[in-house]
């Protein structure tokens, strides 16, 4: 993986964890929150980071850090369709 892509991935993962750390344990975020936090600009360019933000969330799921949910219930990457939310993993 190219260094800049790796750095973007790491920044998105850190953004997800940082955003969740600032919210109640029961709260969740949208991948767009992380995309907006990482995007450096004042236009709609953050939208290009949506898919990378979703991929970052799935990596964090695999690491046991977060859960990706739809309708308030955890979903697997293969079954997730449409909007998702990210929350801290429930242990």
Protein backbone atom coordinates (compact mmCIF):
# COMPACT_ATOMS: atom_id res chain seq x y z
CA UNK A 1 0.00 0.00 0.00
CA UNK A 2 1.22 3.45 -0.87
CA UNK A 3 2.43 5.58 2.07
CA UNK A 4 -0.13 8.34 1.54
CA UNK A 5 -2.98 5.80 1.41
CA UNK A 6 -1.68 4.13 4.57
CA UNK A 7 -1.48 7.52 6.29
CA UNK A 8 -5.06 8.33 5.25
CA UNK A 9 -6.23 4.97 6.58
CA UNK A 10 -4.51 5.61 9.91
CA UNK A 11 -5.92 9.14 10.13
CA UNK A 12 -9.44 7.84 9.52
CA UNK A 13 -9.07 5.09 12.12
CA UNK A 14 -7.76 7.62 14.66
CA UNK A 15 -10.59 10.01 13.81
CA UNK A 16 -13.19 7.29 14.42
CA UNK A 17 -11.70 6.36 17.78
CA UNK A 18 -11.27 10.01 18.80
CA UNK A 19 -14.85 10.92 17.87
CA UNK A 20 -16.19 7.94 19.81
CA UNK A 21 -14.03 8.79 22.83
CA UNK A 22 -15.72 12.19 23.01
CA UNK A 23 -19.21 10.71 23.07
CA UNK A 24 -21.19 8.68 25.58
CA UNK A 25 -20.47 4.94 25.60
CA UNK A 26 -23.89 4.31 24.06
CA UNK A 27 -23.45 6.85 21.24
CA UNK A 28 -22.51 6.16 17.66
CA UNK A 29 -21.10 8.14 14.76
CA UNK A 30 -21.57 8.14 11.03
CA UNK A 31 -18.61 7.38 8.76
CA UNK A 32 -19.15 10.90 7.38
CA UNK A 33 -18.15 12.32 10.77
CA UNK A 34 -14.71 10.75 10.38
CA UNK A 35 -14.47 11.79 6.73
CA UNK A 36 -15.26 15.39 7.65
CA UNK A 37 -12.77 15.33 10.54
CA UNK A 38 -9.95 14.18 8.26
CA UNK A 39 -10.78 16.21 5.14
CA UNK A 40 -8.76 19.38 4.84
CA UNK A 41 -10.93 21.76 2.92
CA UNK A 42 -14.07 23.79 3.12
CA UNK A 43 -16.13 22.25 0.34
CA UNK A 44 -17.84 18.91 -0.16
CA UNK A 45 -14.57 17.08 -0.88
CA UNK A 46 -14.99 15.01 2.29
CA UNK A 47 -17.49 12.89 0.35
CA UNK A 48 -14.57 11.26 -1.49
CA UNK A 49 -13.43 9.92 1.89
CA UNK A 50 -16.70 8.14 2.67
CA UNK A 51 -15.68 4.75 1.29
CA UNK A 52 -12.21 4.93 2.90
CA UNK A 53 -13.95 5.84 6.20
CA UNK A 54 -16.21 2.82 5.92
CA UNK A 55 -13.20 0.60 5.20
CA UNK A 56 -11.45 2.08 8.26
CA UNK A 57 -14.49 1.17 10.36
CA UNK A 58 -14.39 -2.43 9.12
CA UNK A 59 -10.69 -2.68 9.99
CA UNK A 60 -11.53 -1.48 13.49
CA UNK A 61 -14.32 -4.08 13.66
CA UNK A 62 -11.77 -6.76 12.79
CA UNK A 63 -9.53 -5.41 15.58
CA UNK A 64 -12.42 -5.66 18.07
CA UNK A 65 -12.49 -1.90 18.69
CA UNK A 66 -15.87 -0.96 17.20
CA UNK A 67 -19.12 -2.35 15.87
CA UNK A 68 -20.82 -1.25 12.68
CA UNK A 69 -24.59 -1.13 13.07
CA UNK A 70 -27.77 -0.71 11.07
CA UNK A 71 -31.05 -0.21 12.84
CA UNK A 72 -29.17 -0.36 16.15
CA UNK A 73 -27.88 -3.90 15.66
CA UNK A 74 -24.39 -5.00 14.67
CA UNK A 75 -24.02 -6.08 11.06
CA UNK A 76 -21.38 -7.99 9.19
CA UNK A 77 -19.56 -6.31 6.33
CA UNK A 78 -21.13 -8.74 3.87
CA UNK A 79 -24.69 -7.84 4.92
CA UNK A 80 -24.35 -4.07 5.39
CA UNK A 81 -26.24 -2.13 2.73
CA UNK A 82 -26.76 1.61 2.79
CA UNK A 83 -26.16 3.94 5.75
CA UNK A 84 -24.33 2.53 8.76
CA UNK A 85 -23.34 3.79 12.19
CA UNK A 86 -20.17 3.07 14.18
CA UNK A 87 -20.07 2.54 17.94
CA UNK A 88 -17.63 1.21 20.50
CA UNK A 89 -17.52 -2.57 20.64
CA UNK A 90 -19.85 -4.00 23.27
CA UNK A 91 -17.88 -6.46 25.30
